[in-house]
Amino acid sequence: TAELRNVHITFYDTRGAETSTLTSRQGTYHWRSGDMEARGNVVVVRTDSATLRTEVIRYSQVRNQVSSDKDFVFDEPTRHIKGTGFTADPDFKVVTANRVTGEGGKFTLPNQ
């Protein structure tokens, strides 16, 4: 396990093209599992400028999924979404969220 400070991570797709960047104040990386947690002013920016802001985000390598149980704000050119807790694919193309408010675009709500 590695404890991280002033985290800046760039994510790439399978072809090596950049998909997003993550910044946060702190983080924990688990070497064996490949899982990661980022904490404190977490900001994820996709290459198309879509932005997610939250206080804690977790990445599960085995599930290939990011999640949080904290409040979040997700902005794209066509939608603005706020909620508490979500799961998503690493590219934030499919997001399932709890207690959502917002406008525009398709969004998957749990148990709907």
Protein backbone atom coordinates (compact mmCIF):
# COMPACT_ATOMS: atom_id res chain seq x y z
CA THR A 1 0.00 0.00 0.00
CA ALA A 2 1.25 3.46 -0.88
CA GLU A 3 -0.04 6.67 0.70
CA LEU A 4 -0.06 9.50 -1.83
CA ARG A 5 -0.06 13.31 -1.51
CA ASN A 6 -0.96 15.91 -4.16
CA VAL A 7 -2.24 13.20 -6.49
CA HIS A 8 -2.25 13.69 -10.28
CA ILE A 9 -3.14 10.66 -12.40
CA THR A 10 -3.68 10.43 -16.15
CA PHE A 11 -5.88 7.62 -17.47
CA TYR A 12 -5.53 6.05 -20.93
CA ASP A 13 -7.68 3.76 -23.06
CA THR A 14 -6.49 0.42 -24.45
CA ARG A 15 -4.99 2.17 -27.51
CA GLY A 16 -2.94 4.51 -25.33
CA ALA A 17 -5.07 7.63 -25.88
CA GLU A 18 -5.61 9.85 -22.84
CA THR A 19 -9.18 9.63 -21.49
CA SER A 20 -9.12 11.65 -18.26
CA THR A 21 -7.07 13.08 -15.42
CA LEU A 22 -7.69 12.90 -11.69
CA THR A 23 -6.34 15.27 -9.07
CA SER A 24 -6.78 15.13 -5.29
CA ARG A 25 -5.03 16.14 -2.08
CA GLN A 26 -4.42 12.57 -0.89
CA GLY A 27 -4.78 9.01 -2.01
CA THR A 28 -4.08 5.38 -1.26
CA TYR A 29 -2.89 2.89 -3.87
CA HIS A 30 -3.05 -0.86 -3.19
CA TRP A 31 -0.24 -2.51 -5.16
CA ARG A 32 -1.59 -6.07 -5.10
CA SER A 33 -5.18 -5.35 -6.13
CA GLY A 34 -4.58 -2.25 -8.25
CA ASP A 35 -7.37 -0.51 -6.33
CA MET A 36 -7.08 3.17 -5.47
CA GLU A 37 -8.84 5.73 -3.31
CA ALA A 38 -8.48 9.48 -3.83
CA ARG A 39 -9.49 11.91 -1.06
CA GLY A 40 -9.81 15.65 -0.63
CA ASN A 41 -10.98 17.97 -3.40
CA VAL A 42 -11.14 15.18 -5.99
CA VAL A 43 -11.55 16.45 -9.56
CA VAL A 44 -11.78 14.18 -12.61
CA VAL A 45 -11.65 15.88 -16.02
CA ARG A 46 -12.31 13.92 -19.22
CA THR A 47 -10.60 14.92 -22.45
CA ASP A 48 -13.97 16.29 -23.66
CA SER A 49 -13.98 18.66 -20.62
CA ALA A 50 -16.69 16.79 -18.67
CA THR A 51 -15.85 17.28 -14.99
CA LEU A 52 -16.66 15.36 -11.80
CA ARG A 53 -16.06 16.86 -8.36
CA THR A 54 -16.34 14.98 -5.06
CA GLU A 55 -14.45 14.48 -1.79
CA VAL A 56 -13.73 10.74 -2.12
CA ILE A 57 -13.58 8.43 -5.12
CA ARG A 58 -12.60 4.75 -5.25
CA TYR A 59 -11.39 2.69 -8.20
CA SER A 60 -11.83 -1.09 -8.22
CA GLN A 61 -9.62 -2.77 -10.81
CA VAL A 62 -11.40 -6.14 -10.61
CA ARG A 63 -14.79 -4.44 -11.26
CA ASN A 64 -13.27 -1.81 -13.60
CA GLN A 65 -15.49 0.67 -11.76
CA VAL A 66 -15.22 3.97 -9.92
CA SER A 67 -17.53 4.86 -7.05
CA SER A 68 -18.18 7.24 -4.20
CA ASP A 69 -20.67 7.48 -1.35
CA LYS A 70 -20.11 11.25 -1.00
CA ASP A 71 -21.80 14.27 -2.59
CA PHE A 72 -20.74 14.90 -6.18
CA VAL A 73 -21.23 17.33 -9.06
CA PHE A 74 -20.89 16.13 -12.67
CA ASP A 75 -20.83 18.66 -15.50
CA GLU A 76 -20.89 18.10 -19.25
CA PRO A 77 -21.83 20.57 -21.98
CA THR A 78 -25.35 19.07 -22.14
CA ARG A 79 -26.03 18.23 -18.49
CA HIS A 80 -25.39 19.28 -14.89
CA ILE A 81 -25.96 16.60 -12.25
CA LYS A 82 -25.63 16.65 -8.47
CA GLY A 83 -26.14 13.75 -6.12
CA THR A 84 -24.89 11.67 -3.23
CA GLY A 85 -23.12 8.45 -4.14
CA PHE A 86 -22.50 6.92 -7.57
CA THR A 87 -20.86 4.11 -9.49
CA ALA A 88 -19.49 4.52 -13.01
CA ASP A 89 -17.26 3.02 -15.64
CA PRO A 90 -13.79 4.65 -15.64
CA ASP A 91 -14.72 6.82 -18.65
CA PHE A 92 -17.89 8.09 -16.90
CA LYS A 93 -20.00 7.10 -19.90
CA VAL A 94 -22.44 5.05 -17.77
CA VAL A 95 -23.12 6.56 -14.34
CA THR A 96 -25.55 5.17 -11.76
CA ALA A 97 -26.24 7.65 -8.96
CA ASN A 98 -28.26 8.06 -5.78
CA ARG A 99 -30.26 11.12 -4.68
CA VAL A 100 -29.82 12.92 -7.98
CA THR A 101 -30.83 16.40 -9.07
CA GLY A 102 -29.90 17.91 -12.40
CA GLU A 103 -30.84 18.60 -15.96
CA GLY A 104 -30.20 17.23 -19.43
CA GLY A 105 -29.02 13.95 -20.86
CA LYS A 106 -29.63 10.32 -19.94
CA PHE A 107 -28.82 9.22 -16.43
CA THR A 108 -29.43 5.82 -14.85
CA LEU A 109 -31.13 5.79 -11.46
CA PRO A 110 -30.88 2.72 -9.25
CA ASN A 111 -33.98 0.50 -8.97
CA GLN A 112 -35.78 2.32 -11.80
